[in-house]
C-alpha atoms as a PDB file:
ATOM      1  CA  MET A   1      88.404 190.569  14.851  1.00  0.00           C
ATOM      2  CA  ASN A   2      85.853 188.900  17.102  1.00  0.00           C
ATOM      3  CA  GLN A   3      83.017 191.023  18.418  1.00  0.00           C
ATOM      4  CA  ARG A   4      79.463 190.543  19.629  1.00  0.00           C
ATOM      5  CA  HIS A   5      76.804 190.399  16.903  1.00  0.00           C
ATOM      6  CA  THR A   6      73.015 190.311  17.144  1.00  0.00           C
ATOM      7  CA  LEU A   7      71.250 189.484  13.895  1.00  0.00           C
ATOM      8  CA  THR A   8      67.575 189.781  13.077  1.00  0.00           C
ATOM      9  CA  THR A   9      66.090 186.604  11.603  1.00  0.00           C
ATOM     10  CA  ARG A  10      62.591 185.504  10.655  1.00  0.00           C
ATOM     11  CA  ASN A  11      61.696 184.134  14.077  1.00  0.00           C
ATOM     12  CA  ARG A  12      64.079 185.597  16.627  1.00  0.00           C
ATOM     13  CA  ASP A  13      67.339 187.432  17.079  1.00  0.00           C
ATOM     14  CA  LEU A  14      70.557 185.436  16.842  1.00  0.00           C
ATOM     15  CA  ALA A  15      73.391 186.593  19.128  1.00  0.00           C
ATOM     16  CA  PHE A  16      76.986 185.350  19.070  1.00  0.00           C
ATOM     17  CA  VAL A  17      80.616 186.410  19.322  1.00  0.00           C
ATOM     18  CA  GLY A  18      82.571 186.068  16.105  1.00  0.00           C
ATOM     19  CA  ALA A  19      84.115 187.713  13.074  1.00  0.00           C
ATOM     20  CA  ILE A  20      82.660 188.900   9.786  1.00  0.00           C
ATOM     21  CA  LEU A  21      84.361 186.992   6.976  1.00  0.00           C
ATOM     22  CA  GLY A  22      82.516 188.469   4.015  1.00  0.00           C
ATOM     23  CA  VAL A  23      79.911 191.071   3.082  1.00  0.00           C
ATOM     24  CA  GLY A  24      78.055 191.534  -0.180  1.00  0.00           C
ATOM     25  CA  LEU A  25      75.613 194.241  -1.199  1.00  0.00           C
ATOM     26  CA  ALA A  26      73.426 194.598  -4.265  1.00  0.00           C
ATOM     27  CA  ALA A  27      71.102 197.602  -4.224  1.00  0.00           C
ATOM     28  CA  ARG A  28      69.397 199.969  -6.606  1.00  0.00           C
ATOM     29  CA  ALA A  29      71.092 203.318  -7.072  1.00  0.00           C
ATOM     30  CA  ASP A  30      68.289 205.047  -5.166  1.00  0.00           C
ATOM     31  CA  ASP A  31      68.454 202.395  -2.385  1.00  0.00           C
ATOM     32  CA  SER A  32      64.754 201.596  -2.855  1.00  0.00           C
ATOM     33  CA  ALA A  33      65.525 197.871  -2.914  1.00  0.00           C
ATOM     34  CA  GLY A  34      68.486 195.685  -2.174  1.00  0.00           C
ATOM     35  CA  THR A  35      70.081 192.628  -0.658  1.00  0.00           C
ATOM     36  CA  ARG A  36      72.879 192.437   1.896  1.00  0.00           C
ATOM     37  CA  VAL A  37      74.575 189.135   2.703  1.00  0.00           C
ATOM     38  CA  ARG A  38      77.066 188.613   5.504  1.00  0.00           C
ATOM     39  CA  ILE A  39      79.079 185.525   6.402  1.00  0.00           C
ATOM     40  CA  TYR A  40      80.425 185.144   9.948  1.00  0.00           C
ATOM     41  CA  ARG A  41      82.483 182.585  11.857  1.00  0.00           C
ATOM     42  CA  THR A  42      81.742 182.359  15.578  1.00  0.00           C
ATOM     43  CA  VAL A  43      84.469 181.841  18.176  1.00  0.00           C
ATOM     44  CA  GLY A  44      83.152 178.273  18.507  1.00  0.00           C
ATOM     45  CA  GLY A  45      83.690 177.633  14.782  1.00  0.00           C
ATOM     46  CA  THR A  46      80.082 177.798  13.581  1.00  0.00           C
ATOM     47  CA  TYR A  47      79.467 179.648  10.325  1.00  0.00           C
ATOM     48  CA  VAL A  48      76.500 182.014  10.083  1.00  0.00           C
ATOM     49  CA  VAL A  49      75.060 183.199   6.768  1.00  0.00           C
ATOM     50  CA  HIS A  50      72.753 186.213   7.167  1.00  0.00           C
ATOM     51  CA  LEU A  51      70.455 187.686   4.522  1.00  0.00           C
ATOM     52  CA  HIS A  52      68.722 191.081   4.648  1.00  0.00           C
ATOM     53  CA  GLN A  53      66.460 192.199   1.795  1.00  0.00           C
ATOM     54  CA  TRP A  54      64.499 195.416   1.566  1.00  0.00           C
ATOM     55  CA  ALA A  55      62.208 197.144  -0.893  1.00  0.00           C
ATOM     56  CA  SER A  56      60.240 200.344  -0.568  1.00  0.00           C
ATOM     57  CA  SER A  57      57.212 198.481  -1.959  1.00  0.00           C
ATOM     58  CA  ARG A  58      57.129 196.154   1.096  1.00  0.00           C
ATOM     59  CA  THR A  59      55.968 197.130   4.536  1.00  0.00           C
ATOM     60  CA  SER A  60      58.807 195.268   6.262  1.00  0.00           C
ATOM     61  CA  ASP A  61      62.290 194.006   5.462  1.00  0.00           C
ATOM     62  CA  LEU A  62      63.007 190.305   5.006  1.00  0.00           C
ATOM     63  CA  TYR A  63      65.657 188.585   7.132  1.00  0.00           C
ATOM     64  CA  ASP A  64      66.966 185.043   7.215  1.00  0.00           C
ATOM     65  CA  ALA A  65      69.959 183.268   8.723  1.00  0.00           C
ATOM     66  CA  ARG A  66      71.477 179.818   8.403  1.00  0.00           C
ATOM     67  CA  THR A  67      74.130 178.192  10.546  1.00  0.00           C
ATOM     68  CA  THR A  68      76.481 175.306   9.895  1.00  0.00           C
ATOM     69  CA  GLU A  69      79.596 173.886  11.502  1.00  0.00           C
ATOM     70  CA  ASP A  70      80.755 172.477   8.171  1.00  0.00           C
ATOM     71  CA  PRO A  71      82.784 175.012   6.173  1.00  0.00           C
ATOM     72  CA  THR A  72      82.037 173.132   2.954  1.00  0.00           C
ATOM     73  CA  ALA A  73      78.284 173.670   3.536  1.00  0.00           C
ATOM     74  CA  VAL A  74      78.463 177.491   3.596  1.00  0.00           C
ATOM     75  CA  TYR A  75      78.236 177.706  -0.201  1.00  0.00           C
ATOM     76  CA  ASP A  76      75.153 175.452  -0.163  1.00  0.00           C
ATOM     77  CA  GLU A  77      73.521 177.638   2.498  1.00  0.00           C
ATOM     78  CA  LEU A  78      74.100 180.702   0.310  1.00  0.00           C
ATOM     79  CA  CYS A  79      72.508 178.910  -2.642  1.00  0.00           C
ATOM     80  CA  GLU A  80      69.492 177.917  -0.536  1.00  0.00           C
ATOM     81  CA  LEU A  81      68.989 181.487   0.626  1.00  0.00           C
ATOM     82  CA  GLY A  82      69.293 182.568  -3.008  1.00  0.00           C
ATOM     83  CA  LYS A  83      66.598 180.131  -4.134  1.00  0.00           C
ATOM     84  CA  GLY A  84      69.078 177.852  -5.907  1.00  0.00           C
ATOM     85  CA  GLY A  85      71.897 180.155  -6.980  1.00  0.00           C
ATOM     86  CA  LEU A  86      74.156 183.007  -6.004  1.00  0.00           C
ATOM     87  CA  GLY A  87      73.126 186.580  -6.672  1.00  0.00           C
ATOM     88  CA  ARG A  88      75.566 189.499  -6.766  1.00  0.00           C
ATOM     89  CA  ALA A  89      75.466 190.082  -3.006  1.00  0.00           C
ATOM     90  CA  SER A  90      75.956 186.398  -2.168  1.00  0.00           C
ATOM     91  CA  ARG A  91      78.777 186.009  -4.672  1.00  0.00           C
ATOM     92  CA  SER A  92      80.627 189.047  -3.281  1.00  0.00           C
ATOM     93  CA  ALA A  93      80.211 187.828   0.305  1.00  0.00           C
ATOM     94  CA  TRP A  94      81.372 184.339  -0.695  1.00  0.00           C
ATOM     95  CA  GLU A  95      84.492 185.577  -2.503  1.00  0.00           C
ATOM     96  CA  MET A  96      85.493 187.804   0.431  1.00  0.00           C
ATOM     97  CA  ALA A  97      84.848 185.050   2.990  1.00  0.00           C
ATOM     98  CA  ALA A  98      86.750 182.431   0.972  1.00  0.00           C
ATOM     99  CA  GLU A  99      89.788 184.728   0.948  1.00  0.00           C
ATOM    100  CA  ALA A 100      89.536 185.209   4.711  1.00  0.00           C
ATOM    101  CA  ASP A 101      89.037 181.513   5.545  1.00  0.00           C
ATOM    102  CA  PRO A 102      90.737 178.892   3.345  1.00  0.00           C
ATOM    103  CA  ARG A 103      88.437 176.182   4.778  1.00  0.00           C
ATOM    104  CA  LEU A 104      85.573 177.673   2.760  1.00  0.00           C
ATOM    105  CA  VAL A 105      85.556 175.793  -0.502  1.00  0.00           C
ATOM    106  CA  ARG A 106      82.907 175.488  -3.164  1.00  0.00           C
ATOM    107  CA  PRO A 107      81.476 171.956  -3.322  1.00  0.00           C
ATOM    108  CA  VAL A 108      82.504 170.083  -6.441  1.00  0.00           C
ATOM    109  CA  ASP A 109      79.850 168.157  -8.325  1.00  0.00           C
ATOM    110  CA  THR A 110      80.827 164.551  -8.871  1.00  0.00           C
ATOM    111  CA  ILE A 111      80.334 162.947 -12.252  1.00  0.00           C
ATOM    112  CA  ALA A 112      78.799 159.496 -12.102  1.00  0.00           C
END
């Protein structure tokens, strides 16, 4: 279902109308630290990958967002946000989003 979203990012808020395709959460049992990843598709077809990390040891939460119009690039954006790989939250969001949108496919490495 499409609705209006406003996401906090490093530099500014990002507002759009779209649907959440996938959500992943990895947090400590006491909620003192965690990561939440959400994947959206806007009504215009752009994909948005949003990251929110928090820890009680930090004075402020960390936010980041990436956008792409290429569904095959969503996996790469998740890996970039995850510093080269998928954590639990990213993997859960990816699996949920890939079920919701069959255009989301994991890139296949080519063998030379």
